[in-house]
PDB file of N, CA and C in Angstrom:
ATOM      1  N   UNK A   1      -8.856 -17.500  -5.679  1.00  0.00           N
ATOM      2  CA  UNK A   1      -8.022 -15.960  -5.473  1.00  0.00           C
ATOM      3  C   UNK A   1      -8.235 -14.903  -6.596  1.00  0.00           C
ATOM      4  N   UNK A   2      -8.753 -14.089  -6.257  1.00  0.00           N
ATOM      5  CA  UNK A   2      -8.827 -12.750  -6.961  1.00  0.00           C
ATOM      6  C   UNK A   2      -7.732 -11.664  -7.648  1.00  0.00           C
ATOM      7  N   UNK A   3      -7.336 -11.783  -8.803  1.00  0.00           N
ATOM      8  CA  UNK A   3      -6.458 -11.130  -9.503  1.00  0.00           C
ATOM      9  C   UNK A   3      -6.633  -9.211  -8.614  1.00  0.00           C
ATOM     10  N   UNK A   4      -6.243  -8.204  -7.902  1.00  0.00           N
ATOM     11  CA  UNK A   4      -6.019  -7.550  -7.301  1.00  0.00           C
ATOM     12  C   UNK A   4      -6.311  -6.436  -8.833  1.00  0.00           C
ATOM     13  N   UNK A   5      -7.006  -5.433  -8.166  1.00  0.00           N
ATOM     14  CA  UNK A   5      -7.429  -4.575  -9.324  1.00  0.00           C
ATOM     15  C   UNK A   5      -7.194  -3.225  -8.947  1.00  0.00           C
ATOM     16  N   UNK A   6      -6.111  -2.400 -10.098  1.00  0.00           N
ATOM     17  CA  UNK A   6      -5.377  -1.118  -9.521  1.00  0.00           C
ATOM     18  C   UNK A   6      -5.770  -0.142  -9.514  1.00  0.00           C
ATOM     19  N   UNK A   7      -6.136   1.096  -9.187  1.00  0.00           N
ATOM     20  CA  UNK A   7      -6.283   2.506  -9.852  1.00  0.00           C
ATOM     21  C   UNK A   7      -5.406   2.934 -10.224  1.00  0.00           C
ATOM     22  N   UNK A   8      -5.530   4.124 -10.589  1.00  0.00           N
ATOM     23  CA  UNK A   8      -4.860   4.730 -11.513  1.00  0.00           C
ATOM     24  C   UNK A   8      -3.487   5.721 -10.487  1.00  0.00           C
ATOM     25  N   UNK A   9      -2.184   5.184 -11.515  1.00  0.00           N
ATOM     26  CA  UNK A   9      -1.268   5.484 -10.637  1.00  0.00           C
ATOM     27  C   UNK A   9      -0.857   7.169 -10.351  1.00  0.00           C
ATOM     28  N   UNK A  10      -0.816   7.897  -9.266  1.00  0.00           N
ATOM     29  CA  UNK A  10      -0.661   8.860  -8.763  1.00  0.00           C
ATOM     30  C   UNK A  10       0.796   9.274  -8.493  1.00  0.00           C
ATOM     31  N   UNK A  11       1.832   8.733  -8.674  1.00  0.00           N
ATOM     32  CA  UNK A  11       3.259   8.650  -8.484  1.00  0.00           C
ATOM     33  C   UNK A  11       3.967   7.217  -8.534  1.00  0.00           C
ATOM     34  N   UNK A  12       5.304   7.878  -7.838  1.00  0.00           N
ATOM     35  CA  UNK A  12       6.036   6.741  -7.758  1.00  0.00           C
ATOM     36  C   UNK A  12       7.026   7.007  -6.723  1.00  0.00           C
ATOM     37  N   UNK A  13       7.809   5.602  -6.578  1.00  0.00           N
ATOM     38  CA  UNK A  13       8.028   5.576  -5.163  1.00  0.00           C
ATOM     39  C   UNK A  13       9.073   4.301  -5.213  1.00  0.00           C
ATOM     40  N   UNK A  14      10.398   4.593  -4.883  1.00  0.00           N
ATOM     41  CA  UNK A  14      11.590   4.038  -5.228  1.00  0.00           C
ATOM     42  C   UNK A  14      11.683   2.980  -6.682  1.00  0.00           C
ATOM     43  N   UNK A  15      10.999   3.684  -7.816  1.00  0.00           N
ATOM     44  CA  UNK A  15      10.457   3.510  -9.319  1.00  0.00           C
ATOM     45  C   UNK A  15       9.275   2.371  -9.507  1.00  0.00           C
ATOM     46  N   UNK A  16       8.840   2.218  -8.409  1.00  0.00           N
ATOM     47  CA  UNK A  16       7.614   1.474  -8.529  1.00  0.00           C
ATOM     48  C   UNK A  16       6.369   2.088  -8.083  1.00  0.00           C
ATOM     49  N   UNK A  17       5.042   2.078  -9.013  1.00  0.00           N
ATOM     50  CA  UNK A  17       4.164   2.905  -9.342  1.00  0.00           C
ATOM     51  C   UNK A  17       3.800   2.849  -8.136  1.00  0.00           C
ATOM     52  N   UNK A  18       2.692   4.190  -7.580  1.00  0.00           N
ATOM     53  CA  UNK A  18       1.671   4.219  -6.124  1.00  0.00           C
ATOM     54  C   UNK A  18       0.025   4.121  -6.848  1.00  0.00           C
ATOM     55  N   UNK A  19      -0.336   3.477  -6.706  1.00  0.00           N
ATOM     56  CA  UNK A  19      -1.764   3.364  -7.507  1.00  0.00           C
ATOM     57  C   UNK A  19      -2.579   4.344  -6.358  1.00  0.00           C
ATOM     58  N   UNK A  20      -3.860   4.626  -6.944  1.00  0.00           N
ATOM     59  CA  UNK A  20      -4.502   5.569  -5.888  1.00  0.00           C
ATOM     60  C   UNK A  20      -5.822   4.642  -4.891  1.00  0.00           C
ATOM     61  N   UNK A  21      -5.404   3.235  -5.666  1.00  0.00           N
ATOM     62  CA  UNK A  21      -6.866   2.118  -5.200  1.00  0.00           C
ATOM     63  C   UNK A  21      -5.678   1.261  -5.616  1.00  0.00           C
ATOM     64  N   UNK A  22      -6.128  -0.226  -4.378  1.00  0.00           N
ATOM     65  CA  UNK A  22      -5.977  -1.252  -4.512  1.00  0.00           C
ATOM     66  C   UNK A  22      -7.433  -1.974  -4.518  1.00  0.00           C
ATOM     67  N   UNK A  23      -7.916  -3.160  -5.395  1.00  0.00           N
ATOM     68  CA  UNK A  23      -9.317  -3.651  -4.647  1.00  0.00           C
ATOM     69  C   UNK A  23      -8.708  -4.954  -5.080  1.00  0.00           C
ATOM     70  N   UNK A  24      -9.133  -5.626  -3.924  1.00  0.00           N
ATOM     71  CA  UNK A  24      -8.347  -7.240  -3.646  1.00  0.00           C
ATOM     72  C   UNK A  24      -9.942  -7.979  -3.328  1.00  0.00           C
ATOM     73  N   UNK A  25      -9.884  -9.588  -2.932  1.00  0.00           N
ATOM     74  CA  UNK A  25     -10.961 -10.261  -2.423  1.00  0.00           C
ATOM     75  C   UNK A  25     -11.185  -9.452  -0.513  1.00  0.00           C
ATOM     76  N   UNK A  26     -10.052  -9.421  -0.533  1.00  0.00           N
ATOM     77  CA  UNK A  26     -10.044  -8.302   1.418  1.00  0.00           C
ATOM     78  C   UNK A  26     -10.632  -7.110   1.084  1.00  0.00           C
ATOM     79  N   UNK A  27     -11.295  -6.449  -0.062  1.00  0.00           N
ATOM     80  CA  UNK A  27     -11.879  -5.222   0.071  1.00  0.00           C
ATOM     81  C   UNK A  27     -10.968  -4.176  -0.581  1.00  0.00           C
ATOM     82  N   UNK A  28     -12.007  -3.019  -0.805  1.00  0.00           N
ATOM     83  CA  UNK A  28     -10.935  -1.907  -1.506  1.00  0.00           C
ATOM     84  C   UNK A  28      -9.996  -0.916  -0.242  1.00  0.00           C
ATOM     85  N   UNK A  29      -8.992  -0.309  -0.565  1.00  0.00           N
ATOM     86  CA  UNK A  29      -7.978  -0.199   0.036  1.00  0.00           C
ATOM     87  C   UNK A  29      -7.580   1.009  -0.457  1.00  0.00           C
ATOM     88  N   UNK A  30      -7.391   2.794  -0.132  1.00  0.00           N
ATOM     89  CA  UNK A  30      -6.941   3.722  -0.943  1.00  0.00           C
ATOM     90  C   UNK A  30      -5.820   4.056   0.047  1.00  0.00           C
ATOM     91  N   UNK A  31      -4.624   4.325  -1.029  1.00  0.00           N
ATOM     92  CA  UNK A  31      -3.187   5.082  -0.450  1.00  0.00           C
ATOM     93  C   UNK A  31      -3.332   6.114   0.457  1.00  0.00           C
ATOM     94  N   UNK A  32      -2.576   5.753   1.292  1.00  0.00           N
ATOM     95  CA  UNK A  32      -2.584   6.597   2.588  1.00  0.00           C
ATOM     96  C   UNK A  32      -0.814   7.383   2.652  1.00  0.00           C
ATOM     97  N   UNK A  33      -0.169   6.490   2.562  1.00  0.00           N
ATOM     98  CA  UNK A  33       1.333   7.237   3.081  1.00  0.00           C
ATOM     99  C   UNK A  33       2.141   6.062   2.943  1.00  0.00           C
ATOM    100  N   UNK A  34       3.591   6.680   3.111  1.00  0.00           N
ATOM    101  CA  UNK A  34       4.793   6.208   3.027  1.00  0.00           C
ATOM    102  C   UNK A  34       5.006   5.442   4.298  1.00  0.00           C
ATOM    103  N   UNK A  35       5.814   4.332   4.218  1.00  0.00           N
ATOM    104  CA  UNK A  35       5.892   4.304   5.232  1.00  0.00           C
ATOM    105  C   UNK A  35       7.554   4.513   5.851  1.00  0.00           C
ATOM    106  N   UNK A  36       7.632   4.437   7.010  1.00  0.00           N
ATOM    107  CA  UNK A  36       9.042   4.766   7.448  1.00  0.00           C
ATOM    108  C   UNK A  36       9.734   3.481   7.512  1.00  0.00           C
ATOM    109  N   UNK A  37      10.895   3.513   6.761  1.00  0.00           N
ATOM    110  CA  UNK A  37      11.535   2.258   6.514  1.00  0.00           C
ATOM    111  C   UNK A  37      13.194   2.461   7.145  1.00  0.00           C
ATOM    112  N   UNK A  38      13.738   1.498   7.044  1.00  0.00           N
ATOM    113  CA  UNK A  38      15.577   1.334   7.332  1.00  0.00           C
ATOM    114  C   UNK A  38      15.747   0.065   6.426  1.00  0.00           C
ATOM    115  N   UNK A  39      17.443   0.077   6.698  1.00  0.00           N
ATOM    116  CA  UNK A  39      18.064  -1.094   6.165  1.00  0.00           C
ATOM    117  C   UNK A  39      17.379  -2.513   6.551  1.00  0.00           C
ATOM    118  N   UNK A  40      17.006  -2.555   7.790  1.00  0.00           N
ATOM    119  CA  UNK A  40      16.318  -3.403   8.140  1.00  0.00           C
ATOM    120  C   UNK A  40      14.780  -3.824   7.621  1.00  0.00           C
ATOM    121  N   UNK A  41      14.344  -2.811   6.794  1.00  0.00           N
ATOM    122  CA  UNK A  41      12.833  -3.192   6.446  1.00  0.00           C
ATOM    123  C   UNK A  41      11.872  -2.015   7.123  1.00  0.00           C
ATOM    124  N   UNK A  42      10.507  -2.366   7.084  1.00  0.00           N
ATOM    125  CA  UNK A  42       9.443  -1.612   7.231  1.00  0.00           C
ATOM    126  C   UNK A  42       8.794  -2.314   8.653  1.00  0.00           C
ATOM    127  N   UNK A  43       9.067  -1.770   9.606  1.00  0.00           N
ATOM    128  CA  UNK A  43       8.368  -2.089  10.599  1.00  0.00           C
ATOM    129  C   UNK A  43       6.669  -2.127  10.382  1.00  0.00           C
ATOM    130  N   UNK A  44       5.949  -3.392  11.288  1.00  0.00           N
ATOM    131  CA  UNK A  44       5.032  -3.372  11.166  1.00  0.00           C
ATOM    132  C   UNK A  44       3.764  -2.554  12.082  1.00  0.00           C
ATOM    133  N   UNK A  45       4.609  -2.164  13.050  1.00  0.00           N
ATOM    134  CA  UNK A  45       4.029  -1.265  14.188  1.00  0.00           C
ATOM    135  C   UNK A  45       3.365  -0.182  13.653  1.00  0.00           C
ATOM    136  N   UNK A  46       4.163   0.254  12.611  1.00  0.00           N
ATOM    137  CA  UNK A  46       3.508   1.545  12.120  1.00  0.00           C
ATOM    138  C   UNK A  46       1.987   1.705  11.540  1.00  0.00           C
ATOM    139  N   UNK A  47       1.532   0.759  11.533  1.00  0.00           N
ATOM    140  CA  UNK A  47       0.281   0.047  10.762  1.00  0.00           C
ATOM    141  C   UNK A  47      -0.732   0.058  11.772  1.00  0.00           C
ATOM    142  N   UNK A  48      -1.675   0.755  10.956  1.00  0.00           N
ATOM    143  CA  UNK A  48      -3.211   1.138  12.001  1.00  0.00           C
ATOM    144  C   UNK A  48      -3.859  -0.271  12.052  1.00  0.00           C
ATOM    145  N   UNK A  49      -4.819  -0.651  12.483  1.00  0.00           N
ATOM    146  CA  UNK A  49      -5.759  -2.029  11.843  1.00  0.00           C
ATOM    147  C   UNK A  49      -6.609  -2.174  10.727  1.00  0.00           C
ATOM    148  N   UNK A  50      -6.388  -2.763   9.995  1.00  0.00           N
ATOM    149  CA  UNK A  50      -6.799  -2.934   9.078  1.00  0.00           C
ATOM    150  C   UNK A  50      -5.971  -2.327   7.780  1.00  0.00           C
ATOM    151  N   UNK A  51      -4.994  -2.001   8.472  1.00  0.00           N
ATOM    152  CA  UNK A  51      -4.066  -1.049   7.345  1.00  0.00           C
ATOM    153  C   UNK A  51      -3.097  -2.099   6.499  1.00  0.00           C
ATOM    154  N   UNK A  52      -3.075  -1.798   5.077  1.00  0.00           N
ATOM    155  CA  UNK A  52      -2.109  -2.917   4.449  1.00  0.00           C
ATOM    156  C   UNK A  52      -1.111  -2.299   4.029  1.00  0.00           C
ATOM    157  N   UNK A  53       0.090  -3.199   3.944  1.00  0.00           N
ATOM    158  CA  UNK A  53       1.664  -2.625   3.366  1.00  0.00           C
ATOM    159  C   UNK A  53       2.109  -3.212   2.603  1.00  0.00           C
ATOM    160  N   UNK A  54       2.166  -2.516   1.246  1.00  0.00           N
ATOM    161  CA  UNK A  54       2.857  -3.038   0.000  1.00  0.00           C
ATOM    162  C   UNK A  54       4.191  -2.914  -0.330  1.00  0.00           C
ATOM    163  N   UNK A  55       4.704  -3.895  -0.846  1.00  0.00           N
ATOM    164  CA  UNK A  55       6.131  -3.233  -1.618  1.00  0.00           C
ATOM    165  C   UNK A  55       6.518  -1.988  -2.312  1.00  0.00           C
ATOM    166  N   UNK A  56       7.111  -1.203  -2.437  1.00  0.00           N
ATOM    167  CA  UNK A  56       8.104  -0.800  -1.677  1.00  0.00           C
ATOM    168  C   UNK A  56       8.169  -0.327  -0.245  1.00  0.00           C
ATOM    169  N   UNK A  57       6.921  -0.426   0.573  1.00  0.00           N
ATOM    170  CA  UNK A  57       7.034   0.593   1.445  1.00  0.00           C
ATOM    171  C   UNK A  57       5.543   1.498   1.183  1.00  0.00           C
ATOM    172  N   UNK A  58       4.340   0.885   0.838  1.00  0.00           N
ATOM    173  CA  UNK A  58       3.313   1.835   0.761  1.00  0.00           C
ATOM    174  C   UNK A  58       2.026   1.114   1.457  1.00  0.00           C
ATOM    175  N   UNK A  59       1.908   2.312   2.061  1.00  0.00           N
ATOM    176  CA  UNK A  59       0.596   1.990   3.184  1.00  0.00           C
ATOM    177  C   UNK A  59      -0.639   1.876   2.301  1.00  0.00           C
ATOM    178  N   UNK A  60      -1.692   1.436   2.562  1.00  0.00           N
ATOM    179  CA  UNK A  60      -2.690   1.803   1.902  1.00  0.00           C
ATOM    180  C   UNK A  60      -4.433   1.091   3.012  1.00  0.00           C
ATOM    181  N   UNK A  61      -5.333   2.515   3.148  1.00  0.00           N
ATOM    182  CA  UNK A  61      -6.121   2.191   4.343  1.00  0.00           C
ATOM    183  C   UNK A  61      -7.788   1.681   3.615  1.00  0.00           C
ATOM    184  N   UNK A  62      -8.270   1.041   4.751  1.00  0.00           N
ATOM    185  CA  UNK A  62      -9.366   0.787   3.743  1.00  0.00           C
ATOM    186  C   UNK A  62     -10.494   1.897   3.698  1.00  0.00           C
ATOM    187  N   UNK A  63     -10.720   1.360   2.342  1.00  0.00           N
ATOM    188  CA  UNK A  63     -11.957   2.591   1.785  1.00  0.00           C
ATOM    189  C   UNK A  63     -13.042   3.009   2.258  1.00  0.00           C
TER     190      UNK A  63
END
């Protein structure tokens, strides 16, 4: 298992950095948008095919 490689931080959300890119063994992903979440969590139905959601509700799309 490869350790993810994070691109530069482009901001923060809920005190966590938003990285411009994340590269993992599954490929490279680019930050796209914030997930719509409520007190029960972030519904996965808002993800398009091949998108990735990272805690705390950051959605990345394939590069």
